All heavy atoms as atom14 arrays in JSON, in Angstrom:
{
  "sequence": "VAVQTALPGNRLVAVSTESGKIETLLHLEHAFVFNPRWSPDGRQVAF",
  "atom14_mask": [
    [1, 1, 1, 1, 1, 1, 1, 0, 0, 0, 0, 0, 0, 0],
    [1, 1, 1, 1, 1, 0, 0, 0, 0, 0, 0, 0, 0, 0],
    [1, 1, 1, 1, 1, 1, 1, 0, 0, 0, 0, 0, 0, 0],
    [1, 1, 1, 1, 1, 1, 1, 1, 1, 0, 0, 0, 0, 0],
    [1, 1, 1, 1, 1, 1, 1, 0, 0, 0, 0, 0, 0, 0],
    [1, 1, 1, 1, 1, 0, 0, 0, 0, 0, 0, 0, 0, 0],
    [1, 1, 1, 1, 1, 1, 1, 1, 0, 0, 0, 0, 0, 0],
    [1, 1, 1, 1, 1, 1, 1, 0, 0, 0, 0, 0, 0, 0],
    [1, 1, 1, 1, 0, 0, 0, 0, 0, 0, 0, 0, 0, 0],
    [1, 1, 1, 1, 1, 1, 1, 1, 0, 0, 0, 0, 0, 0],
    [1, 1, 1, 1, 1, 1, 1, 1, 1, 1, 1, 0, 0, 0],
    [1, 1, 1, 1, 1, 1, 1, 1, 0, 0, 0, 0, 0, 0],
    [1, 1, 1, 1, 1, 1, 1, 0, 0, 0, 0, 0, 0, 0],
    [1, 1, 1, 1, 1, 0, 0, 0, 0, 0, 0, 0, 0, 0],
    [1, 1, 1, 1, 1, 1, 1, 0, 0, 0, 0, 0, 0, 0],
    [1, 1, 1, 1, 1, 1, 0, 0, 0, 0, 0, 0, 0, 0],
    [1, 1, 1, 1, 1, 1, 1, 0, 0, 0, 0, 0, 0, 0],
    [1, 1, 1, 1, 1, 1, 1, 1, 1, 0, 0, 0, 0, 0],
    [1, 1, 1, 1, 1, 1, 0, 0, 0, 0, 0, 0, 0, 0],
    [1, 1, 1, 1, 0, 0, 0, 0, 0, 0, 0, 0, 0, 0],
    [1, 1, 1, 1, 1, 1, 1, 1, 1, 0, 0, 0, 0, 0],
    [1, 1, 1, 1, 1, 1, 1, 1, 0, 0, 0, 0, 0, 0],
    [1, 1, 1, 1, 1, 1, 1, 1, 1, 0, 0, 0, 0, 0],
    [1, 1, 1, 1, 1, 1, 1, 0, 0, 0, 0, 0, 0, 0],
    [1, 1, 1, 1, 1, 1, 1, 1, 0, 0, 0, 0, 0, 0],
    [1, 1, 1, 1, 1, 1, 1, 1, 0, 0, 0, 0, 0, 0],
    [1, 1, 1, 1, 1, 1, 1, 1, 1, 1, 0, 0, 0, 0],
    [1, 1, 1, 1, 1, 1, 1, 1, 0, 0, 0, 0, 0, 0],
    [1, 1, 1, 1, 1, 1, 1, 1, 1, 0, 0, 0, 0, 0],
    [1, 1, 1, 1, 1, 1, 1, 1, 1, 1, 0, 0, 0, 0],
    [1, 1, 1, 1, 1, 0, 0, 0, 0, 0, 0, 0, 0, 0],
    [1, 1, 1, 1, 1, 1, 1, 1, 1, 1, 1, 0, 0, 0],
    [1, 1, 1, 1, 1, 1, 1, 0, 0, 0, 0, 0, 0, 0],
    [1, 1, 1, 1, 1, 1, 1, 1, 1, 1, 1, 0, 0, 0],
    [1, 1, 1, 1, 1, 1, 1, 1, 0, 0, 0, 0, 0, 0],
    [1, 1, 1, 1, 1, 1, 1, 0, 0, 0, 0, 0, 0, 0],
    [1, 1, 1, 1, 1, 1, 1, 1, 1, 1, 1, 0, 0, 0],
    [1, 1, 1, 1, 1, 1, 1, 1, 1, 1, 1, 1, 1, 1],
    [1, 1, 1, 1, 1, 1, 0, 0, 0, 0, 0, 0, 0, 0],
    [1, 1, 1, 1, 1, 1, 1, 0, 0, 0, 0, 0, 0, 0],
    [1, 1, 1, 1, 1, 1, 1, 1, 0, 0, 0, 0, 0, 0],
    [1, 1, 1, 1, 0, 0, 0, 0, 0, 0, 0, 0, 0, 0],
    [1, 1, 1, 1, 1, 1, 1, 1, 1, 1, 1, 0, 0, 0],
    [1, 1, 1, 1, 1, 1, 1, 1, 1, 0, 0, 0, 0, 0],
    [1, 1, 1, 1, 1, 1, 1, 0, 0, 0, 0, 0, 0, 0],
    [1, 1, 1, 1, 1, 0, 0, 0, 0, 0, 0, 0, 0, 0],
    [1, 1, 1, 1, 1, 1, 1, 1, 1, 1, 1, 0, 0, 0]
  ],
  "atom14_positions": [
    [[190.39, -32.42, -128.55], [189.57, -33.22, -127.77], [189.95, -32.87, -126.28], [191.13, -32.6, -126.02], [189.86, -34.74, -128.05], [191.19, -35.11, -127.74], [188.82, -35.58, -127.28], [0.0, 0.0, 0.0], [0.0, 0.0, 0.0], [0.0, 0.0, 0.0], [0.0, 0.0, 0.0], [0.0, 0.0, 0.0], [0.0, 0.0, 0.0], [0.0, 0.0, 0.0]],
    [[189.01, -32.81, -125.45], [189.18, -32.48, -124.04], [188.11, -33.12, -123.15], [187.19, -33.74, -123.65], [189.18, -30.91, -123.89], [0.0, 0.0, 0.0], [0.0, 0.0, 0.0], [0.0, 0.0, 0.0], [0.0, 0.0, 0.0], [0.0, 0.0, 0.0], [0.0, 0.0, 0.0], [0.0, 0.0, 0.0], [0.0, 0.0, 0.0], [0.0, 0.0, 0.0]],
    [[188.39, -33.0, -121.78], [187.47, -33.49, -120.84], [186.61, -32.28, -120.34], [187.18, -31.27, -120.02], [188.07, -34.28, -119.76], [187.08, -34.66, -118.66], [188.85, -35.45, -120.24], [0.0, 0.0, 0.0], [0.0, 0.0, 0.0], [0.0, 0.0, 0.0], [0.0, 0.0, 0.0], [0.0, 0.0, 0.0], [0.0, 0.0, 0.0], [0.0, 0.0, 0.0]],
    [[185.37, -32.39, -120.28], [184.52, -31.35, -119.75], [183.7, -31.86, -118.52], [183.14, -32.95, -118.6], [183.49, -30.85, -120.83], [182.65, -29.66, -120.26], [181.61, -29.13, -121.28], [181.24, -29.91, -122.14], [181.43, -27.83, -121.27], [0.0, 0.0, 0.0], [0.0, 0.0, 0.0], [0.0, 0.0, 0.0], [0.0, 0.0, 0.0], [0.0, 0.0, 0.0]],
    [[183.82, -31.12, -117.38], [183.15, -31.41, -116.2], [181.61, -31.21, -116.46], [181.27, -30.21, -116.94], [183.56, -30.48, -114.97], [184.94, -30.71, -114.84], [182.77, -30.9, -113.74], [0.0, 0.0, 0.0], [0.0, 0.0, 0.0], [0.0, 0.0, 0.0], [0.0, 0.0, 0.0], [0.0, 0.0, 0.0], [0.0, 0.0, 0.0], [0.0, 0.0, 0.0]],
    [[180.9, -32.22, -116.17], [179.41, -32.25, -116.32], [178.82, -32.88, -115.09], [178.41, -34.15, -115.27], [179.01, -32.88, -117.68], [0.0, 0.0, 0.0], [0.0, 0.0, 0.0], [0.0, 0.0, 0.0], [0.0, 0.0, 0.0], [0.0, 0.0, 0.0], [0.0, 0.0, 0.0], [0.0, 0.0, 0.0], [0.0, 0.0, 0.0], [0.0, 0.0, 0.0]],
    [[178.75, -32.22, -114.01], [178.3, -32.83, -112.76], [177.0, -33.66, -112.93], [176.1, -33.15, -113.54], [178.25, -31.77, -111.73], [179.57, -31.11, -111.35], [179.3, -29.97, -110.4], [180.52, -32.04, -110.79], [0.0, 0.0, 0.0], [0.0, 0.0, 0.0], [0.0, 0.0, 0.0], [0.0, 0.0, 0.0], [0.0, 0.0, 0.0], [0.0, 0.0, 0.0]],
    [[177.0, -34.85, -112.33], [177.89, -35.5, -111.29], [179.07, -36.12, -111.99], [179.75, -37.02, -111.3], [177.03, -36.33, -110.52], [176.07, -36.83, -111.49], [175.7, -35.68, -112.47], [0.0, 0.0, 0.0], [0.0, 0.0, 0.0], [0.0, 0.0, 0.0], [0.0, 0.0, 0.0], [0.0, 0.0, 0.0], [0.0, 0.0, 0.0], [0.0, 0.0, 0.0]],
    [[179.3, -36.07, -113.27], [180.42, -36.75, -113.85], [181.14, -35.8, -114.85], [181.29, -34.63, -114.54], [0.0, 0.0, 0.0], [0.0, 0.0, 0.0], [0.0, 0.0, 0.0], [0.0, 0.0, 0.0], [0.0, 0.0, 0.0], [0.0, 0.0, 0.0], [0.0, 0.0, 0.0], [0.0, 0.0, 0.0], [0.0, 0.0, 0.0], [0.0, 0.0, 0.0]],
    [[181.64, -36.42, -115.91], [182.3, -35.63, -116.93], [182.1, -36.29, -118.32], [181.44, -37.29, -118.47], [183.8, -35.31, -116.68], [184.54, -36.64, -116.75], [184.04, -37.71, -117.1], [185.85, -36.6, -116.22], [0.0, 0.0, 0.0], [0.0, 0.0, 0.0], [0.0, 0.0, 0.0], [0.0, 0.0, 0.0], [0.0, 0.0, 0.0], [0.0, 0.0, 0.0]],
    [[182.58, -35.64, -119.45], [182.36, -36.21, -120.72], [183.52, -35.76, -121.65], [184.29, -34.84, -121.37], [181.04, -35.65, -121.3], [180.9, -34.1, -121.37], [179.46, -33.73, -121.73], [179.28, -32.34, -121.58], [178.14, -31.76, -121.19], [177.11, -32.67, -120.91], [177.97, -30.49, -121.08], [0.0, 0.0, 0.0], [0.0, 0.0, 0.0], [0.0, 0.0, 0.0]],
    [[183.66, -36.54, -122.82], [184.57, -36.27, -123.75], [183.99, -35.22, -124.84], [182.84, -35.44, -125.28], [185.1, -37.46, -124.49], [186.09, -38.37, -123.82], [186.32, -39.52, -124.83], [187.36, -37.63, -123.48], [0.0, 0.0, 0.0], [0.0, 0.0, 0.0], [0.0, 0.0, 0.0], [0.0, 0.0, 0.0], [0.0, 0.0, 0.0], [0.0, 0.0, 0.0]],
    [[184.7, -34.17, -125.21], [184.24, -33.24, -126.14], [185.24, -32.86, -127.14], [186.46, -33.09, -126.85], [183.73, -31.88, -125.34], [182.61, -32.18, -124.44], [184.86, -31.22, -124.72], [0.0, 0.0, 0.0], [0.0, 0.0, 0.0], [0.0, 0.0, 0.0], [0.0, 0.0, 0.0], [0.0, 0.0, 0.0], [0.0, 0.0, 0.0], [0.0, 0.0, 0.0]],
    [[184.83, -32.4, -128.25], [185.72, -31.88, -129.27], [185.42, -30.36, -129.47], [184.29, -29.95, -129.47], [185.47, -32.56, -130.62], [0.0, 0.0, 0.0], [0.0, 0.0, 0.0], [0.0, 0.0, 0.0], [0.0, 0.0, 0.0], [0.0, 0.0, 0.0], [0.0, 0.0, 0.0], [0.0, 0.0, 0.0], [0.0, 0.0, 0.0], [0.0, 0.0, 0.0]],
    [[186.43, -29.57, -129.4], [186.41, -28.05, -129.51], [186.99, -27.59, -130.8], [188.16, -27.92, -131.04], [187.04, -27.39, -128.35], [186.81, -25.9, -128.38], [186.51, -27.95, -127.02], [0.0, 0.0, 0.0], [0.0, 0.0, 0.0], [0.0, 0.0, 0.0], [0.0, 0.0, 0.0], [0.0, 0.0, 0.0], [0.0, 0.0, 0.0], [0.0, 0.0, 0.0]],
    [[186.31, -26.79, -131.66], [186.85, -26.24, -132.88], [187.92, -25.25, -132.49], [187.68, -24.28, -131.77], [185.79, -25.65, -133.72], [186.33, -24.84, -134.81], [0.0, 0.0, 0.0], [0.0, 0.0, 0.0], [0.0, 0.0, 0.0], [0.0, 0.0, 0.0], [0.0, 0.0, 0.0], [0.0, 0.0, 0.0], [0.0, 0.0, 0.0], [0.0, 0.0, 0.0]],
    [[189.09, -25.47, -133.14], [190.16, -24.39, -132.94], [189.9, -23.07, -133.66], [190.49, -22.07, -133.29], [191.53, -24.95, -133.41], [191.35, -25.3, -134.87], [191.98, -26.1, -132.62], [0.0, 0.0, 0.0], [0.0, 0.0, 0.0], [0.0, 0.0, 0.0], [0.0, 0.0, 0.0], [0.0, 0.0, 0.0], [0.0, 0.0, 0.0], [0.0, 0.0, 0.0]],
    [[188.9, -23.04, -134.54], [188.5, -21.75, -135.26], [187.42, -21.02, -134.45], [187.56, -19.82, -134.34], [188.03, -22.06, -136.65], [187.68, -20.8, -137.46], [187.3, -21.13, -138.94], [187.5, -22.34, -139.33], [186.82, -20.23, -139.53], [0.0, 0.0, 0.0], [0.0, 0.0, 0.0], [0.0, 0.0, 0.0], [0.0, 0.0, 0.0], [0.0, 0.0, 0.0]],
    [[186.42, -21.74, -134.16], [185.22, -21.07, -133.53], [185.04, -21.32, -132.09], [184.46, -20.47, -131.39], [183.99, -21.59, -134.23], [183.77, -22.97, -133.95], [0.0, 0.0, 0.0], [0.0, 0.0, 0.0], [0.0, 0.0, 0.0], [0.0, 0.0, 0.0], [0.0, 0.0, 0.0], [0.0, 0.0, 0.0], [0.0, 0.0, 0.0], [0.0, 0.0, 0.0]],
    [[185.69, -22.28, -131.5], [185.51, -22.61, -130.09], [184.22, -23.4, -129.84], [183.87, -23.63, -128.67], [0.0, 0.0, 0.0], [0.0, 0.0, 0.0], [0.0, 0.0, 0.0], [0.0, 0.0, 0.0], [0.0, 0.0, 0.0], [0.0, 0.0, 0.0], [0.0, 0.0, 0.0], [0.0, 0.0, 0.0], [0.0, 0.0, 0.0], [0.0, 0.0, 0.0]],
    [[183.58, -23.81, -130.86], [182.23, -24.51, -130.73], [182.62, -25.93, -130.09], [183.58, -26.66, -130.49], [181.57, -24.75, -132.07], [180.23, -25.47, -131.95], [179.64, -25.65, -133.33], [178.39, -26.47, -133.31], [177.72, -26.66, -134.55], [0.0, 0.0, 0.0], [0.0, 0.0, 0.0], [0.0, 0.0, 0.0], [0.0, 0.0, 0.0], [0.0, 0.0, 0.0]],
    [[181.7, -26.36, -129.06], [181.95, -27.61, -128.36], [180.95, -28.57, -128.81], [179.79, -28.35, -128.89], [181.8, -27.4, -126.86], [182.89, -26.27, -126.41], [181.98, -28.64, -126.01], [182.75, -25.85, -124.93], [0.0, 0.0, 0.0], [0.0, 0.0, 0.0], [0.0, 0.0, 0.0], [0.0, 0.0, 0.0], [0.0, 0.0, 0.0], [0.0, 0.0, 0.0]],
    [[181.44, -29.79, -129.12], [180.62, -31.01, -129.59], [180.87, -32.09, -128.55], [182.05, -32.5, -128.42], [180.94, -31.4, -131.0], [180.22, -32.59, -131.43], [180.7, -33.12, -132.77], [181.64, -32.48, -133.31], [180.22, -34.14, -133.19], [0.0, 0.0, 0.0], [0.0, 0.0, 0.0], [0.0, 0.0, 0.0], [0.0, 0.0, 0.0], [0.0, 0.0, 0.0]],
    [[179.87, -32.78, -128.05], [180.03, -33.88, -127.08], [180.38, -35.11, -128.02], [179.59, -35.42, -128.9], [178.8, -34.19, -126.28], [178.52, -32.97, -125.42], [178.96, -35.3, -125.41], [0.0, 0.0, 0.0], [0.0, 0.0, 0.0], [0.0, 0.0, 0.0], [0.0, 0.0, 0.0], [0.0, 0.0, 0.0], [0.0, 0.0, 0.0], [0.0, 0.0, 0.0]],
    [[181.41, -35.86, -127.51], [181.77, -37.09, -128.24], [181.23, -38.29, -127.4], [180.92, -39.27, -128.04], [183.31, -37.22, -128.36], [183.97, -36.04, -129.28], [185.46, -36.34, -129.28], [183.45, -36.13, -130.7], [0.0, 0.0, 0.0], [0.0, 0.0, 0.0], [0.0, 0.0, 0.0], [0.0, 0.0, 0.0], [0.0, 0.0, 0.0], [0.0, 0.0, 0.0]],
    [[181.33, -38.2, -126.13], [181.0, -39.36, -125.31], [180.57, -38.92, -123.94], [181.31, -38.1, -123.26], [182.18, -40.32, -125.16], [181.9, -41.62, -124.34], [180.85, -42.48, -125.09], [183.15, -42.38, -124.12], [0.0, 0.0, 0.0], [0.0, 0.0, 0.0], [0.0, 0.0, 0.0], [0.0, 0.0, 0.0], [0.0, 0.0, 0.0], [0.0, 0.0, 0.0]],
    [[179.35, -39.3, -123.44], [178.91, -39.01, -122.15], [178.31, -40.31, -121.44], [177.27, -40.75, -121.96], [177.89, -37.9, -122.16], [177.57, -37.28, -120.8], [176.54, -36.39, -120.61], [178.07, -37.57, -119.61], [176.47, -36.13, -119.29], [177.4, -36.84, -118.64], [0.0, 0.0, 0.0], [0.0, 0.0, 0.0], [0.0, 0.0, 0.0], [0.0, 0.0, 0.0]],
    [[178.98, -40.74, -120.48], [178.57, -41.99, -119.85], [178.14, -41.72, -118.43], [178.78, -41.03, -117.66], [179.71, -43.01, -119.84], [180.28, -43.44, -121.2], [181.47, -44.21, -120.93], [179.32, -44.18, -122.0], [0.0, 0.0, 0.0], [0.0, 0.0, 0.0], [0.0, 0.0, 0.0], [0.0, 0.0, 0.0], [0.0, 0.0, 0.0], [0.0, 0.0, 0.0]],
    [[176.96, -42.27, -118.04], [176.51, -42.13, -116.67], [177.36, -43.1, -115.73], [177.72, -44.11, -116.25], [175.05, -42.43, -116.51], [174.16, -41.42, -117.15], [172.74, -41.68, -116.91], [172.39, -42.67, -116.16], [171.84, -40.95, -117.47], [0.0, 0.0, 0.0], [0.0, 0.0, 0.0], [0.0, 0.0, 0.0], [0.0, 0.0, 0.0], [0.0, 0.0, 0.0]],
    [[177.63, -42.63, -114.49], [178.28, -43.44, -113.45], [179.73, -43.78, -113.94], [180.24, -44.95, -113.72], [177.58, -44.73, -113.22], [176.09, -44.45, -112.97], [175.69, -43.74, -111.93], [174.94, -44.92, -113.6], [174.38, -43.73, -111.79], [173.85, -44.36, -112.91], [0.0, 0.0, 0.0], [0.0, 0.0, 0.0], [0.0, 0.0, 0.0], [0.0, 0.0, 0.0]],
    [[180.39, -42.88, -114.76], [181.76, -43.17, -115.17], [182.52, -41.91, -115.42], [181.84, -40.81, -115.72], [181.76, -44.01, -116.45], [0.0, 0.0, 0.0], [0.0, 0.0, 0.0], [0.0, 0.0, 0.0], [0.0, 0.0, 0.0], [0.0, 0.0, 0.0], [0.0, 0.0, 0.0], [0.0, 0.0, 0.0], [0.0, 0.0, 0.0], [0.0, 0.0, 0.0]],
    [[183.82, -41.87, -115.19], [184.59, -40.62, -115.46], [185.63, -41.01, -116.48], [186.19, -42.11, -116.52], [185.27, -40.22, -114.19], [184.4, -39.5, -113.14], [183.66, -40.36, -112.26], [184.21, -38.18, -113.12], [182.78, -39.77, -111.4], [183.39, -37.58, -112.24], [182.65, -38.39, -111.34], [0.0, 0.0, 0.0], [0.0, 0.0, 0.0], [0.0, 0.0, 0.0]],
    [[185.99, -40.03, -117.29], [186.98, -40.23, -118.36], [188.14, -39.22, -118.14], [187.97, -38.16, -117.56], [186.39, -39.93, -119.81], [185.43, -41.04, -120.06], [185.83, -38.57, -119.96], [0.0, 0.0, 0.0], [0.0, 0.0, 0.0], [0.0, 0.0, 0.0], [0.0, 0.0, 0.0], [0.0, 0.0, 0.0], [0.0, 0.0, 0.0], [0.0, 0.0, 0.0]],
    [[189.32, -39.64, -118.58], [190.6, -38.89, -118.27], [191.53, -38.94, -119.47], [191.62, -39.93, -120.2], [191.29, -39.4, -117.05], [190.57, -39.54, -115.88], [189.96, -40.77, -115.47], [190.23, -38.45, -114.96], [189.19, -40.9, -114.38], [189.55, -38.64, -113.86], [188.93, -39.78, -113.53], [0.0, 0.0, 0.0], [0.0, 0.0, 0.0], [0.0, 0.0, 0.0]],
    [[192.26, -37.8, -119.63], [193.36, -37.8, -120.56], [193.18, -38.39, -121.96], [193.89, -39.31, -122.39], [194.59, -38.49, -119.89], [195.05, -37.89, -118.61], [195.14, -36.74, -118.49], [195.16, -38.7, -117.54], [0.0, 0.0, 0.0], [0.0, 0.0, 0.0], [0.0, 0.0, 0.0], [0.0, 0.0, 0.0], [0.0, 0.0, 0.0], [0.0, 0.0, 0.0]],
    [[192.27, -37.75, -122.76], [192.1, -38.28, -124.12], [193.15, -37.95, -125.09], [193.93, -36.83, -124.89], [190.78, -37.52, -124.4], [190.91, -36.26, -123.72], [191.46, -36.6, -122.38], [0.0, 0.0, 0.0], [0.0, 0.0, 0.0], [0.0, 0.0, 0.0], [0.0, 0.0, 0.0], [0.0, 0.0, 0.0], [0.0, 0.0, 0.0], [0.0, 0.0, 0.0]],
    [[193.36, -38.87, -126.0], [194.45, -38.58, -127.07], [193.95, -39.08, -128.43], [193.51, -40.19, -128.61], [195.77, -39.35, -126.7], [196.41, -38.96, -125.36], [197.01, -37.53, -125.49], [198.16, -37.49, -126.31], [199.48, -37.79, -125.96], [199.74, -38.1, -124.69], [200.51, -37.79, -126.74], [0.0, 0.0, 0.0], [0.0, 0.0, 0.0], [0.0, 0.0, 0.0]],
    [[194.12, -38.23, -129.41], [193.73, -38.55, -130.82], [194.65, -39.64, -131.32], [195.92, -39.65, -131.1], [193.82, -37.25, -131.72], [192.73, -36.27, -131.57], [192.87, -35.11, -131.01], [191.45, -36.31, -132.02], [191.71, -34.28, -131.04], [190.84, -35.11, -131.73], [190.7, -37.28, -132.82], [189.53, -34.84, -132.04], [189.33, -37.05, -133.17], [188.76, -35.85, -132.84]],
    [[194.1, -40.49, -132.16], [194.93, -41.41, -132.95], [195.55, -40.64, -134.03], [195.1, -39.59, -134.52], [194.02, -42.58, -133.51], [193.05, -42.02, -134.36], [0.0, 0.0, 0.0], [0.0, 0.0, 0.0], [0.0, 0.0, 0.0], [0.0, 0.0, 0.0], [0.0, 0.0, 0.0], [0.0, 0.0, 0.0], [0.0, 0.0, 0.0], [0.0, 0.0, 0.0]],
    [[196.72, -41.13, -134.69], [197.34, -40.48, -135.72], [196.51, -40.21, -136.96], [196.71, -39.22, -137.65], [198.52, -41.45, -136.09], [198.76, -42.16, -134.79], [197.4, -42.38, -134.23], [0.0, 0.0, 0.0], [0.0, 0.0, 0.0], [0.0, 0.0, 0.0], [0.0, 0.0, 0.0], [0.0, 0.0, 0.0], [0.0, 0.0, 0.0], [0.0, 0.0, 0.0]],
    [[195.49, -41.09, -137.29], [194.59, -40.84, -138.44], [193.46, -40.0, -138.06], [192.54, -39.63, -138.9], [194.19, -42.1, -139.01], [193.39, -42.94, -138.02], [192.96, -42.42, -136.91], [193.06, -44.15, -138.26], [0.0, 0.0, 0.0], [0.0, 0.0, 0.0], [0.0, 0.0, 0.0], [0.0, 0.0, 0.0], [0.0, 0.0, 0.0], [0.0, 0.0, 0.0]],
    [[193.33, -39.52, -136.77], [192.14, -38.66, -136.33], [190.8, -39.29, -136.34], [189.75, -38.6, -136.3], [0.0, 0.0, 0.0], [0.0, 0.0, 0.0], [0.0, 0.0, 0.0], [0.0, 0.0, 0.0], [0.0, 0.0, 0.0], [0.0, 0.0, 0.0], [0.0, 0.0, 0.0], [0.0, 0.0, 0.0], [0.0, 0.0, 0.0], [0.0, 0.0, 0.0]],
    [[190.71, -40.6, -136.37], [189.51, -41.29, -136.37], [189.07, -41.82, -134.99], [187.91, -42.12, -134.78], [189.49, -42.47, -137.34], [189.7, -41.99, -138.78], [189.75, -43.17, -139.71], [189.95, -42.81, -141.12], [190.03, -43.72, -142.18], [189.87, -44.99, -141.86], [190.12, -43.2, -143.37], [0.0, 0.0, 0.0], [0.0, 0.0, 0.0], [0.0, 0.0, 0.0]],
    [[190.11, -42.04, -134.17], [189.77, -42.56, -132.8], [190.41, -41.71, -131.73], [191.31, -40.91, -131.97], [190.37, -43.98, -132.65], [189.78, -44.95, -133.55], [190.3, -46.37, -133.33], [189.93, -47.08, -132.42], [191.27, -46.81, -134.21], [0.0, 0.0, 0.0], [0.0, 0.0, 0.0], [0.0, 0.0, 0.0], [0.0, 0.0, 0.0], [0.0, 0.0, 0.0]],
    [[189.85, -41.84, -130.5], [190.33, -41.26, -129.3], [190.51, -42.31, -128.29], [189.67, -43.09, -128.0], [189.35, -40.12, -128.83], [189.89, -39.61, -127.46], [189.23, -38.92, -129.79], [0.0, 0.0, 0.0], [0.0, 0.0, 0.0], [0.0, 0.0, 0.0], [0.0, 0.0, 0.0], [0.0, 0.0, 0.0], [0.0, 0.0, 0.0], [0.0, 0.0, 0.0]],
    [[191.79, -42.3, -127.76], [192.04, -43.21, -126.6], [191.95, -42.39, -125.25], [192.17, -41.16, -125.29], [193.46, -43.82, -126.64], [0.0, 0.0, 0.0], [0.0, 0.0, 0.0], [0.0, 0.0, 0.0], [0.0, 0.0, 0.0], [0.0, 0.0, 0.0], [0.0, 0.0, 0.0], [0.0, 0.0, 0.0], [0.0, 0.0, 0.0], [0.0, 0.0, 0.0]],
    [[191.44, -43.05, -124.19], [191.24, -42.29, -123.04], [191.25, -43.26, -121.85], [191.12, -44.55, -122.05], [189.95, -41.55, -123.01], [188.77, -42.31, -123.25], [187.95, -42.88, -122.2], [188.42, -42.63, -124.61], [186.8, -43.53, -122.54], [187.26, -43.4, -124.85], [186.5, -43.87, -123.84], [0.0, 0.0, 0.0], [0.0, 0.0, 0.0], [0.0, 0.0, 0.0]]
  ]
}
């Protein structure tokens, strides 16, 4: 899970460690996200 710049804001994305494919998890208008962290069960992301 990482933050991707998407001007004029940014978004949360998941990147496959095998293929490098990027999937958007959350994109909010008029908001910025920082420092995402996976939960131990892999079901949630805190940010």
